[in-house]
Amino acid sequence: MNYLISLLIGLGVGALYALLDFKSPAPPAIALVGLLGMQIGEALLPLGRQFLAQWLH
């Protein structure tokens, strides 16, 4: 459900930028790579914590 909400908000902001003829702060490819990095980092942090907890015990 969170992904759907995020997608809808992103589409809404994109539509607003298009209506206002406003250039986005970053080119789409760069923005998508940044978002991918955020998702990977968010997924790796819990895995790293779990690995560290197992290694210390």
Protein backbone atom coordinates (compact mmCIF):
# COMPACT_ATOMS: atom_id res chain seq x y z
CA MET A 1 0.00 0.00 0.00
CA ASN A 2 2.89 2.39 0.78
CA TYR A 3 4.28 1.90 -2.71
CA LEU A 4 0.91 2.73 -4.25
CA ILE A 5 0.62 5.92 -2.21
CA SER A 6 4.17 6.89 -3.15
CA LEU A 7 3.46 6.23 -6.82
CA LEU A 8 0.27 8.30 -6.74
CA ILE A 9 2.01 11.22 -5.04
CA GLY A 10 4.85 11.04 -7.55
CA LEU A 11 2.41 11.04 -10.46
CA GLY A 12 0.59 13.99 -8.93
CA VAL A 13 3.77 16.01 -8.51
CA GLY A 14 4.84 15.13 -12.04
CA ALA A 15 1.49 16.28 -13.40
CA LEU A 16 1.74 19.50 -11.41
CA TYR A 17 5.24 20.16 -12.80
CA ALA A 18 3.90 19.59 -16.33
CA LEU A 19 0.91 21.89 -15.79
CA LEU A 20 3.11 24.67 -14.42
CA ASP A 21 5.74 24.08 -17.15
CA PHE A 22 8.31 23.74 -14.37
CA LYS A 23 11.56 21.88 -14.96
CA SER A 24 12.27 19.17 -12.42
CA PRO A 25 15.36 19.77 -10.23
CA ALA A 26 17.09 16.66 -11.60
CA PRO A 27 16.89 14.86 -14.93
CA PRO A 28 14.58 11.82 -14.69
CA ALA A 29 17.38 9.26 -15.12
CA ILE A 30 19.46 10.79 -12.32
CA ALA A 31 16.43 11.04 -10.06
CA LEU A 32 15.53 7.39 -10.66
CA VAL A 33 19.07 6.25 -9.90
CA GLY A 34 18.94 8.25 -6.67
CA LEU A 35 15.63 6.67 -5.71
CA LEU A 36 17.03 3.22 -6.49
CA GLY A 37 19.99 3.94 -4.23
CA MET A 38 17.64 4.99 -1.44
CA GLN A 39 15.63 1.77 -1.80
CA ILE A 40 18.76 -0.39 -1.79
CA GLY A 41 20.13 1.43 1.24
CA GLU A 42 16.83 1.04 3.06
CA ALA A 43 16.83 -2.70 2.35
CA LEU A 44 20.50 -3.24 3.24
CA LEU A 45 20.41 -1.55 6.64
CA PRO A 46 18.17 -4.19 8.31
CA LEU A 47 20.20 -6.97 6.67
CA GLY A 48 23.41 -5.43 7.97
CA ARG A 49 22.01 -5.13 11.48
CA GLN A 50 20.83 -8.74 11.41
CA PHE A 51 24.21 -9.96 10.14
CA LEU A 52 26.06 -7.95 12.78
CA ALA A 53 23.78 -9.22 15.57
CA GLN A 54 24.35 -12.84 14.51
CA TRP A 55 28.10 -12.30 14.21
CA LEU A 56 28.37 -10.80 17.71
CA HIS A 57 26.42 -13.58 19.42
